[in-house]
Amino acid sequence: MIPGHWHAHRREEDGEVLGYLEPVGGERYRPVTLLGHPVDGPVGEEDARAALDARGLSYLADPWLLSLPGRGEPIAVRILEVGPRRVRVANVDLGYEEADYGHVFVLDVPETGRLRPAGS
């Protein structure tokens, strides 16, 4: 679950939550995505909000990789849903025979590093 001391940052146009400002001391914040992944290092509040505005939400549609316990290579997944408590991803890896194509995995948010962009 997103910690209560993180502040939601909403897009001005429609109020959609783009991410969170994680207080890191003083007047510094770490902007984090909906998944809890850092976007930038600790910066002032305006810069943290600008980083989240620039990032937007399009990254959610990108291909992702999910590391699974006991499996050396991560599998390809697509994000289905992100909320303050969980993220749901679907298996899109045709080579992963241990779960059907489309099988849904549920992960806690903030996500702890098992999920990463496919291009990284």
N, C-alpha and C. Protein backbone atom coordinates (compact mmCIF):
# COMPACT_ATOMS: atom_id res chain seq x y z
N MET A 1 0.84 -1.17 0.00
CA MET A 1 0.00 0.00 0.00
C MET A 1 0.89 1.24 0.00
N ILE A 2 0.48 2.22 -0.78
CA ILE A 2 1.22 3.48 -0.80
C ILE A 2 1.23 4.06 0.62
N PRO A 3 2.40 4.39 1.14
CA PRO A 3 2.47 4.93 2.50
C PRO A 3 1.65 6.21 2.65
N GLY A 4 1.05 6.37 3.79
CA GLY A 4 0.20 7.52 4.06
C GLY A 4 0.91 8.86 4.02
N HIS A 5 2.23 8.86 4.21
CA HIS A 5 2.97 10.12 4.21
C HIS A 5 3.39 10.56 2.80
N TRP A 6 3.14 9.72 1.78
CA TRP A 6 3.38 10.12 0.40
C TRP A 6 2.20 10.96 -0.05
N HIS A 7 2.47 11.99 -0.83
CA HIS A 7 1.44 12.91 -1.29
C HIS A 7 1.12 12.64 -2.76
N ALA A 8 -0.15 12.40 -3.05
CA ALA A 8 -0.56 12.16 -4.44
C ALA A 8 -0.38 13.45 -5.24
N HIS A 9 0.15 13.30 -6.45
CA HIS A 9 0.25 14.43 -7.38
C HIS A 9 -0.73 14.18 -8.51
N ARG A 10 -1.63 15.12 -8.71
CA ARG A 10 -2.68 14.98 -9.72
C ARG A 10 -2.42 15.89 -10.93
N ARG A 11 -2.79 15.38 -12.09
CA ARG A 11 -2.70 16.16 -13.32
C ARG A 11 -3.71 17.30 -13.22
N GLU A 12 -3.27 18.49 -13.56
CA GLU A 12 -4.10 19.68 -13.42
C GLU A 12 -5.36 19.61 -14.28
N GLU A 13 -5.25 19.08 -15.50
CA GLU A 13 -6.38 19.09 -16.44
C GLU A 13 -7.57 18.26 -15.98
N ASP A 14 -7.31 17.08 -15.40
CA ASP A 14 -8.41 16.17 -15.11
C ASP A 14 -8.37 15.54 -13.71
N GLY A 15 -7.38 15.89 -12.92
CA GLY A 15 -7.30 15.37 -11.57
C GLY A 15 -6.78 13.95 -11.45
N GLU A 16 -6.34 13.35 -12.57
CA GLU A 16 -5.81 11.98 -12.54
C GLU A 16 -4.50 11.94 -11.75
N VAL A 17 -4.34 10.95 -10.88
CA VAL A 17 -3.11 10.80 -10.11
C VAL A 17 -2.00 10.32 -11.04
N LEU A 18 -0.90 11.09 -11.09
CA LEU A 18 0.25 10.75 -11.93
C LEU A 18 1.34 10.03 -11.16
N GLY A 19 1.36 10.20 -9.87
CA GLY A 19 2.40 9.61 -9.03
C GLY A 19 2.33 10.23 -7.65
N TYR A 20 3.44 10.08 -6.94
CA TYR A 20 3.46 10.53 -5.55
C TYR A 20 4.74 11.29 -5.25
N LEU A 21 4.65 12.17 -4.25
CA LEU A 21 5.82 12.87 -3.72
C LEU A 21 6.17 12.20 -2.40
N GLU A 22 7.34 11.58 -2.37
CA GLU A 22 7.81 10.92 -1.16
C GLU A 22 8.70 11.90 -0.40
N PRO A 23 8.28 12.35 0.79
CA PRO A 23 9.13 13.27 1.56
C PRO A 23 10.43 12.57 1.97
N VAL A 24 11.54 13.26 1.77
CA VAL A 24 12.83 12.67 2.13
C VAL A 24 13.61 13.56 3.10
N GLY A 25 12.96 14.55 3.66
CA GLY A 25 13.60 15.41 4.63
C GLY A 25 13.63 16.85 4.18
N GLY A 26 13.38 17.73 5.13
CA GLY A 26 13.38 19.14 4.81
C GLY A 26 12.31 19.46 3.77
N GLU A 27 12.71 20.21 2.79
CA GLU A 27 11.80 20.59 1.70
C GLU A 27 12.05 19.76 0.45
N ARG A 28 12.56 18.55 0.62
CA ARG A 28 12.93 17.68 -0.51
C ARG A 28 11.94 16.53 -0.65
N TYR A 29 11.71 16.17 -1.92
CA TYR A 29 10.79 15.08 -2.23
C TYR A 29 11.38 14.23 -3.33
N ARG A 30 11.06 12.95 -3.30
CA ARG A 30 11.43 12.04 -4.39
C ARG A 30 10.13 11.76 -5.15
N PRO A 31 10.07 12.17 -6.43
CA PRO A 31 8.88 11.84 -7.22
C PRO A 31 8.90 10.36 -7.58
N VAL A 32 7.79 9.67 -7.36
CA VAL A 32 7.69 8.25 -7.66
C VAL A 32 6.45 7.99 -8.51
N THR A 33 6.54 6.97 -9.36
CA THR A 33 5.43 6.59 -10.22
C THR A 33 4.30 5.96 -9.40
N LEU A 34 3.24 5.62 -10.07
CA LEU A 34 2.13 4.93 -9.42
C LEU A 34 2.56 3.59 -8.83
N LEU A 35 3.63 3.02 -9.40
CA LEU A 35 4.16 1.75 -8.91
C LEU A 35 5.09 1.94 -7.71
N GLY A 36 5.47 3.19 -7.44
CA GLY A 36 6.42 3.47 -6.36
C GLY A 36 7.85 3.52 -6.83
N HIS A 37 8.08 3.47 -8.16
CA HIS A 37 9.44 3.54 -8.70
C HIS A 37 9.89 5.00 -8.77
N PRO A 38 11.11 5.32 -8.32
CA PRO A 38 11.60 6.69 -8.38
C PRO A 38 11.71 7.20 -9.82
N VAL A 39 11.32 8.46 -10.01
CA VAL A 39 11.43 9.13 -11.31
C VAL A 39 12.69 10.00 -11.33
N ASP A 40 13.02 10.55 -10.17
CA ASP A 40 14.15 11.48 -10.05
C ASP A 40 14.65 11.38 -8.62
N GLY A 41 15.82 11.97 -8.38
CA GLY A 41 16.35 12.00 -7.03
C GLY A 41 15.61 13.03 -6.20
N PRO A 42 15.95 13.15 -4.94
CA PRO A 42 15.30 14.16 -4.11
C PRO A 42 15.50 15.56 -4.67
N VAL A 43 14.38 16.26 -4.84
CA VAL A 43 14.37 17.62 -5.39
C VAL A 43 13.34 18.44 -4.63
N GLY A 44 13.27 19.71 -4.94
CA GLY A 44 12.24 20.56 -4.35
C GLY A 44 10.86 20.14 -4.84
N GLU A 45 9.83 20.59 -4.15
CA GLU A 45 8.47 20.16 -4.47
C GLU A 45 8.07 20.51 -5.91
N GLU A 46 8.35 21.71 -6.36
CA GLU A 46 7.98 22.10 -7.73
C GLU A 46 8.66 21.21 -8.77
N ASP A 47 9.95 20.94 -8.55
CA ASP A 47 10.68 20.08 -9.50
C ASP A 47 10.16 18.65 -9.47
N ALA A 48 9.77 18.17 -8.29
CA ALA A 48 9.22 16.82 -8.17
C ALA A 48 7.89 16.73 -8.92
N ARG A 49 7.05 17.74 -8.76
CA ARG A 49 5.77 17.76 -9.48
C ARG A 49 5.99 17.85 -10.99
N ALA A 50 6.95 18.67 -11.40
CA ALA A 50 7.25 18.81 -12.84
C ALA A 50 7.75 17.49 -13.42
N ALA A 51 8.54 16.74 -12.65
CA ALA A 51 9.06 15.45 -13.12
C ALA A 51 7.90 14.47 -13.36
N LEU A 52 6.92 14.47 -12.47
CA LEU A 52 5.76 13.59 -12.63
C LEU A 52 4.88 14.04 -13.81
N ASP A 53 4.73 15.35 -13.96
CA ASP A 53 3.97 15.87 -15.11
C ASP A 53 4.63 15.46 -16.41
N ALA A 54 5.96 15.58 -16.47
CA ALA A 54 6.69 15.23 -17.70
C ALA A 54 6.61 13.73 -17.97
N ARG A 55 6.60 12.92 -16.94
CA ARG A 55 6.54 11.47 -17.10
C ARG A 55 5.17 11.02 -17.59
N GLY A 56 4.12 11.62 -17.06
CA GLY A 56 2.77 11.25 -17.47
C GLY A 56 2.42 9.82 -17.09
N LEU A 57 1.52 9.21 -17.86
CA LEU A 57 1.07 7.85 -17.60
C LEU A 57 1.35 6.89 -18.75
N SER A 58 1.90 7.38 -19.83
CA SER A 58 2.09 6.53 -21.01
C SER A 58 3.00 5.33 -20.74
N TYR A 59 3.89 5.44 -19.76
CA TYR A 59 4.79 4.32 -19.43
C TYR A 59 4.02 3.06 -19.03
N LEU A 60 2.80 3.24 -18.55
CA LEU A 60 2.00 2.08 -18.12
C LEU A 60 1.66 1.16 -19.29
N ALA A 61 1.62 1.71 -20.51
CA ALA A 61 1.29 0.91 -21.70
C ALA A 61 2.51 0.22 -22.30
N ASP A 62 3.69 0.53 -21.81
CA ASP A 62 4.92 -0.06 -22.33
C ASP A 62 5.04 -1.53 -21.93
N PRO A 63 5.88 -2.30 -22.63
CA PRO A 63 6.17 -3.68 -22.20
C PRO A 63 6.97 -3.68 -20.89
N TRP A 64 6.70 -4.66 -20.04
CA TRP A 64 7.36 -4.79 -18.75
C TRP A 64 7.87 -6.20 -18.58
N LEU A 65 8.83 -6.36 -17.68
CA LEU A 65 9.37 -7.67 -17.32
C LEU A 65 9.12 -7.93 -15.85
N LEU A 66 8.71 -9.14 -15.54
CA LEU A 66 8.42 -9.54 -14.17
C LEU A 66 9.35 -10.67 -13.77
N SER A 67 10.11 -10.47 -12.71
CA SER A 67 10.97 -11.53 -12.15
C SER A 67 10.13 -12.38 -11.22
N LEU A 68 10.26 -13.70 -11.39
CA LEU A 68 9.52 -14.65 -10.57
C LEU A 68 10.48 -15.49 -9.75
N PRO A 69 10.09 -15.85 -8.52
CA PRO A 69 10.96 -16.68 -7.69
C PRO A 69 11.29 -18.01 -8.38
N GLY A 70 12.55 -18.39 -8.33
CA GLY A 70 12.98 -19.66 -8.89
C GLY A 70 13.14 -19.68 -10.39
N ARG A 71 12.95 -18.56 -11.04
CA ARG A 71 13.09 -18.48 -12.50
C ARG A 71 14.18 -17.48 -12.81
N GLY A 72 15.18 -17.90 -13.57
CA GLY A 72 16.31 -17.04 -13.88
C GLY A 72 15.95 -15.84 -14.74
N GLU A 73 15.20 -16.07 -15.80
CA GLU A 73 14.84 -15.00 -16.72
C GLU A 73 13.47 -14.44 -16.37
N PRO A 74 13.31 -13.11 -16.42
CA PRO A 74 11.99 -12.54 -16.18
C PRO A 74 11.05 -12.86 -17.35
N ILE A 75 9.77 -12.72 -17.11
CA ILE A 75 8.79 -12.96 -18.17
C ILE A 75 8.20 -11.62 -18.62
N ALA A 76 7.72 -11.58 -19.86
CA ALA A 76 7.09 -10.38 -20.41
C ALA A 76 5.66 -10.28 -19.88
N VAL A 77 5.30 -9.07 -19.43
CA VAL A 77 3.96 -8.81 -18.92
C VAL A 77 3.49 -7.45 -19.41
N ARG A 78 2.19 -7.25 -19.31
CA ARG A 78 1.55 -5.96 -19.57
C ARG A 78 0.81 -5.54 -18.31
N ILE A 79 0.87 -4.26 -18.00
CA ILE A 79 0.14 -3.75 -16.84
C ILE A 79 -1.34 -3.64 -17.20
N LEU A 80 -2.18 -4.20 -16.32
CA LEU A 80 -3.62 -4.13 -16.51
C LEU A 80 -4.27 -3.05 -15.65
N GLU A 81 -3.77 -2.92 -14.42
CA GLU A 81 -4.40 -2.01 -13.47
C GLU A 81 -3.40 -1.64 -12.39
N VAL A 82 -3.41 -0.37 -11.99
CA VAL A 82 -2.56 0.08 -10.90
C VAL A 82 -3.42 0.87 -9.93
N GLY A 83 -3.31 0.54 -8.66
CA GLY A 83 -3.99 1.29 -7.61
C GLY A 83 -3.04 1.51 -6.47
N PRO A 84 -3.48 2.19 -5.42
CA PRO A 84 -2.59 2.48 -4.30
C PRO A 84 -2.21 1.25 -3.47
N ARG A 85 -2.89 0.11 -3.70
CA ARG A 85 -2.59 -1.11 -2.94
C ARG A 85 -1.94 -2.19 -3.77
N ARG A 86 -2.28 -2.24 -5.06
CA ARG A 86 -1.78 -3.34 -5.88
C ARG A 86 -1.67 -2.94 -7.34
N VAL A 87 -0.87 -3.75 -8.04
CA VAL A 87 -0.77 -3.65 -9.50
C VAL A 87 -1.07 -5.04 -10.03
N ARG A 88 -1.87 -5.09 -11.08
CA ARG A 88 -2.20 -6.35 -11.73
C ARG A 88 -1.53 -6.35 -13.10
N VAL A 89 -0.78 -7.41 -13.40
CA VAL A 89 -0.10 -7.55 -14.68
C VAL A 89 -0.49 -8.90 -15.29
N ALA A 90 -0.49 -8.94 -16.63
CA ALA A 90 -0.85 -10.17 -17.34
C ALA A 90 0.36 -10.73 -18.06
N ASN A 91 0.50 -12.04 -18.02
CA ASN A 91 1.55 -12.74 -18.74
C ASN A 91 1.32 -12.60 -20.24
N VAL A 92 2.32 -12.10 -20.96
CA VAL A 92 2.26 -12.03 -22.43
C VAL A 92 3.49 -12.72 -23.02
N ASP A 93 4.09 -13.59 -22.23
CA ASP A 93 5.31 -14.29 -22.62
C ASP A 93 4.94 -15.68 -23.13
N LEU A 94 4.98 -15.86 -24.45
CA LEU A 94 4.62 -17.15 -25.04
C LEU A 94 5.57 -18.27 -24.63
N GLY A 95 6.77 -17.94 -24.20
CA GLY A 95 7.74 -18.94 -23.78
C GLY A 95 7.61 -19.37 -22.33
N TYR A 96 6.74 -18.75 -21.59
CA TYR A 96 6.55 -19.10 -20.17
C TYR A 96 5.41 -20.11 -20.07
N GLU A 97 5.76 -21.36 -19.88
CA GLU A 97 4.78 -22.44 -19.91
C GLU A 97 4.15 -22.74 -18.56
N GLU A 98 4.63 -22.11 -17.50
CA GLU A 98 4.11 -22.41 -16.17
C GLU A 98 2.81 -21.67 -15.84
N ALA A 99 2.42 -20.73 -16.69
CA ALA A 99 1.15 -20.01 -16.52
C ALA A 99 0.62 -19.69 -17.90
N ASP A 100 -0.69 -19.78 -18.05
CA ASP A 100 -1.32 -19.49 -19.33
C ASP A 100 -1.04 -18.07 -19.77
N TYR A 101 -1.03 -17.88 -21.09
CA TYR A 101 -0.96 -16.54 -21.66
C TYR A 101 -2.16 -15.76 -21.12
N GLY A 102 -1.91 -14.59 -20.59
CA GLY A 102 -2.98 -13.79 -20.01
C GLY A 102 -3.16 -14.00 -18.51
N HIS A 103 -2.43 -14.98 -17.94
CA HIS A 103 -2.52 -15.21 -16.49
C HIS A 103 -2.20 -13.90 -15.76
N VAL A 104 -2.98 -13.58 -14.75
CA VAL A 104 -2.81 -12.33 -14.02
C VAL A 104 -2.01 -12.56 -12.74
N PHE A 105 -0.99 -11.75 -12.56
CA PHE A 105 -0.19 -11.72 -11.34
C PHE A 105 -0.56 -10.44 -10.59
N VAL A 106 -0.68 -10.55 -9.28
CA VAL A 106 -1.01 -9.39 -8.44
C VAL A 106 0.19 -9.10 -7.55
N LEU A 107 0.66 -7.85 -7.61
CA LEU A 107 1.81 -7.42 -6.83
C LEU A 107 1.41 -6.28 -5.91
N ASP A 108 2.08 -6.19 -4.78
CA ASP A 108 1.84 -5.08 -3.86
C ASP A 108 2.45 -3.80 -4.42
N VAL A 109 1.86 -2.68 -4.05
CA VAL A 109 2.38 -1.36 -4.36
C VAL A 109 2.70 -0.71 -3.01
N PRO A 110 3.84 -0.03 -2.84
CA PRO A 110 4.86 0.15 -3.86
C PRO A 110 5.54 -1.17 -4.22
N GLU A 111 5.77 -1.30 -5.49
CA GLU A 111 6.36 -2.53 -6.04
C GLU A 111 7.84 -2.56 -5.69
N THR A 112 8.35 -3.72 -5.31
CA THR A 112 9.69 -3.82 -4.71
C THR A 112 10.83 -4.16 -5.65
N GLY A 113 10.64 -4.03 -6.94
CA GLY A 113 11.74 -4.27 -7.87
C GLY A 113 11.59 -5.51 -8.72
N ARG A 114 10.51 -6.26 -8.55
CA ARG A 114 10.29 -7.44 -9.38
C ARG A 114 9.81 -7.05 -10.79
N LEU A 115 9.26 -5.86 -10.91
CA LEU A 115 8.68 -5.37 -12.16
C LEU A 115 9.54 -4.24 -12.68
N ARG A 116 9.95 -4.36 -13.96
CA ARG A 116 10.77 -3.29 -14.53
C ARG A 116 10.43 -3.13 -16.00
N PRO A 117 10.69 -1.94 -16.55
CA PRO A 117 10.43 -1.73 -17.98
C PRO A 117 11.27 -2.68 -18.82
N ALA A 118 10.72 -3.18 -19.91
CA ALA A 118 11.42 -4.14 -20.75
C ALA A 118 12.67 -3.56 -21.38
N GLY A 119 12.72 -2.28 -21.58
CA GLY A 119 13.87 -1.65 -22.22
C GLY A 119 15.02 -1.33 -21.28
N SER A 120 14.90 -1.67 -20.00
CA SER A 120 15.98 -1.29 -19.07
C SER A 120 16.88 -2.46 -18.73
